[in-house]
Amino acid sequence: MDIRIDRLRLQVSGTHPDAARELGRLLAEHLAAALAGDPPAPDAVRLAGLRVSVPWPGGQHQGGSPPAHAAPAAAQVARALRGAAVGNAGATR
């Protein structure tokens, strides 16, 4: 199965830019691993976009390091991708 994500855009409020960049890098790594281990349905699906809101555990301004949040966020994004693939199997959007 070939899965391509052309762009992963994060909006991280109240976080230092370096921490936000680290979170983005870690999220991409965790997302790649999550999708490789349990990919979406094998039918061809092309999505023009998918918006996923991932709450920051404990509230976005209550600390925590990017490594602690990357895996849960990636798991939530992977679930959304799988759901979109099942809901749009064979469709192009």
C-alpha atoms as a PDB file:
ATOM      1  CA  MET A   1       0.000   0.000   0.000  1.00  0.00           C
ATOM      2  CA  ASP A   2       1.281   3.431  -0.910  1.00  0.00           C
ATOM      3  CA  ILE A   3       0.332   6.224   1.479  1.00  0.00           C
ATOM      4  CA  ARG A   4       1.435   9.771   0.753  1.00  0.00           C
ATOM      5  CA  ILE A   5       0.825  12.833   2.852  1.00  0.00           C
ATOM      6  CA  ASP A   6       1.854  15.878   0.871  1.00  0.00           C
ATOM      7  CA  ARG A   7       1.520  18.350   3.696  1.00  0.00           C
ATOM      8  CA  LEU A   8       1.018  18.119   7.425  1.00  0.00           C
ATOM      9  CA  ARG A   9       0.045  21.483   8.874  1.00  0.00           C
ATOM     10  CA  LEU A  10      -0.057  22.049  12.608  1.00  0.00           C
ATOM     11  CA  GLN A  11      -1.484  24.919  14.553  1.00  0.00           C
ATOM     12  CA  VAL A  12      -0.044  24.882  18.056  1.00  0.00           C
ATOM     13  CA  SER A  13      -1.112  27.847  20.158  1.00  0.00           C
ATOM     14  CA  GLY A  14       0.829  29.036  23.171  1.00  0.00           C
ATOM     15  CA  THR A  15       3.885  26.910  22.420  1.00  0.00           C
ATOM     16  CA  HIS A  16       7.442  28.018  21.744  1.00  0.00           C
ATOM     17  CA  PRO A  17       8.214  27.763  17.987  1.00  0.00           C
ATOM     18  CA  ASP A  18      11.065  25.292  18.595  1.00  0.00           C
ATOM     19  CA  ALA A  19       8.763  23.037  20.614  1.00  0.00           C
ATOM     20  CA  ALA A  20       6.101  23.272  17.891  1.00  0.00           C
ATOM     21  CA  ARG A  21       8.659  22.266  15.226  1.00  0.00           C
ATOM     22  CA  GLU A  22       9.795  19.340  17.377  1.00  0.00           C
ATOM     23  CA  LEU A  23       6.175  18.273  17.832  1.00  0.00           C
ATOM     24  CA  GLY A  24       5.639  18.402  14.049  1.00  0.00           C
ATOM     25  CA  ARG A  25       8.711  16.278  13.385  1.00  0.00           C
ATOM     26  CA  LEU A  26       7.763  13.735  16.051  1.00  0.00           C
ATOM     27  CA  LEU A  27       4.142  13.657  14.914  1.00  0.00           C
ATOM     28  CA  ALA A  28       5.229  12.843  11.354  1.00  0.00           C
ATOM     29  CA  GLU A  29       7.488  10.042  12.610  1.00  0.00           C
ATOM     30  CA  HIS A  30       4.790   8.549  14.836  1.00  0.00           C
ATOM     31  CA  LEU A  31       2.166   8.887  12.107  1.00  0.00           C
ATOM     32  CA  ALA A  32       4.377   7.029   9.615  1.00  0.00           C
ATOM     33  CA  ALA A  33       4.872   4.213  12.122  1.00  0.00           C
ATOM     34  CA  ALA A  34       1.152   4.060  13.011  1.00  0.00           C
ATOM     35  CA  LEU A  35       0.083   3.866   9.376  1.00  0.00           C
ATOM     36  CA  ALA A  36       2.753   1.303   8.478  1.00  0.00           C
ATOM     37  CA  GLY A  37       1.624  -0.961  11.310  1.00  0.00           C
ATOM     38  CA  ASP A  38      -2.104  -0.716  10.563  1.00  0.00           C
ATOM     39  CA  PRO A  39      -2.749   0.972   7.194  1.00  0.00           C
ATOM     40  CA  PRO A  40      -6.143   2.194   6.022  1.00  0.00           C
ATOM     41  CA  ALA A  41      -8.281   0.019   3.746  1.00  0.00           C
ATOM     42  CA  PRO A  42      -6.496  -1.126   0.557  1.00  0.00           C
ATOM     43  CA  ASP A  43      -8.968   0.564  -1.822  1.00  0.00           C
ATOM     44  CA  ALA A  44      -7.587   3.614  -3.597  1.00  0.00           C
ATOM     45  CA  VAL A  45      -8.641   6.781  -1.816  1.00  0.00           C
ATOM     46  CA  ARG A  46      -7.489  10.289  -2.545  1.00  0.00           C
ATOM     47  CA  LEU A  47      -8.380  13.025  -0.096  1.00  0.00           C
ATOM     48  CA  ALA A  48      -7.825  16.674  -0.951  1.00  0.00           C
ATOM     49  CA  GLY A  49      -7.755  17.482   2.737  1.00  0.00           C
ATOM     50  CA  LEU A  50      -8.607  16.217   6.164  1.00  0.00           C
ATOM     51  CA  ARG A  51      -8.920  18.376   9.255  1.00  0.00           C
ATOM     52  CA  VAL A  52      -8.325  16.767  12.620  1.00  0.00           C
ATOM     53  CA  SER A  53      -8.473  18.595  15.941  1.00  0.00           C
ATOM     54  CA  VAL A  54      -6.327  17.022  18.618  1.00  0.00           C
ATOM     55  CA  PRO A  55      -6.781  18.451  22.106  1.00  0.00           C
ATOM     56  CA  TRP A  56      -3.600  19.082  24.046  1.00  0.00           C
ATOM     57  CA  PRO A  57      -3.829  16.880  27.148  1.00  0.00           C
ATOM     58  CA  GLY A  58      -4.470  19.007  30.216  1.00  0.00           C
ATOM     59  CA  GLY A  59      -5.152  22.105  28.116  1.00  0.00           C
ATOM     60  CA  GLN A  60      -2.869  23.683  25.557  1.00  0.00           C
ATOM     61  CA  HIS A  61      -1.171  26.036  28.000  1.00  0.00           C
ATOM     62  CA  GLN A  62      -0.376  23.485  30.688  1.00  0.00           C
ATOM     63  CA  GLY A  63       3.121  22.396  29.780  1.00  0.00           C
ATOM     64  CA  GLY A  64       4.176  18.974  28.694  1.00  0.00           C
ATOM     65  CA  SER A  65       6.856  18.132  26.219  1.00  0.00           C
ATOM     66  CA  PRO A  66       6.349  17.445  22.505  1.00  0.00           C
ATOM     67  CA  PRO A  67       7.523  13.808  22.841  1.00  0.00           C
ATOM     68  CA  ALA A  68       4.758  13.175  25.387  1.00  0.00           C
ATOM     69  CA  HIS A  69       2.075  14.466  23.023  1.00  0.00           C
ATOM     70  CA  ALA A  70       3.302  13.231  19.633  1.00  0.00           C
ATOM     71  CA  ALA A  71       2.250   9.577  19.923  1.00  0.00           C
ATOM     72  CA  PRO A  72      -1.327  10.221  21.130  1.00  0.00           C
ATOM     73  CA  ALA A  73      -1.779  12.942  18.496  1.00  0.00           C
ATOM     74  CA  ALA A  74      -0.451  10.658  15.739  1.00  0.00           C
ATOM     75  CA  ALA A  75      -2.798   7.880  16.848  1.00  0.00           C
ATOM     76  CA  GLN A  76      -5.767  10.249  16.611  1.00  0.00           C
ATOM     77  CA  VAL A  77      -4.726  11.473  13.142  1.00  0.00           C
ATOM     78  CA  ALA A  78      -4.232   7.857  11.979  1.00  0.00           C
ATOM     79  CA  ARG A  79      -7.745   6.963  13.219  1.00  0.00           C
ATOM     80  CA  ALA A  80      -9.160   9.909  11.285  1.00  0.00           C
ATOM     81  CA  LEU A  81      -7.317   8.820   8.124  1.00  0.00           C
ATOM     82  CA  ARG A  82      -8.586   5.259   8.466  1.00  0.00           C
ATOM     83  CA  GLY A  83     -12.127   6.539   8.998  1.00  0.00           C
ATOM     84  CA  ALA A  84     -11.873   8.800   5.958  1.00  0.00           C
ATOM     85  CA  ALA A  85     -10.523   5.916   3.856  1.00  0.00           C
ATOM     86  CA  VAL A  86     -13.396   3.626   4.885  1.00  0.00           C
ATOM     87  CA  GLY A  87     -15.994   6.354   4.363  1.00  0.00           C
ATOM     88  CA  ASN A  88     -14.624   7.291   0.918  1.00  0.00           C
ATOM     89  CA  ALA A  89     -13.390   3.956  -0.479  1.00  0.00           C
ATOM     90  CA  GLY A  90     -13.054   4.233  -4.225  1.00  0.00           C
ATOM     91  CA  ALA A  91     -13.807   7.968  -4.231  1.00  0.00           C
ATOM     92  CA  THR A  92     -11.600  10.886  -5.073  1.00  0.00           C
ATOM     93  CA  ARG A  93     -12.029  14.192  -3.249  1.00  0.00           C
END
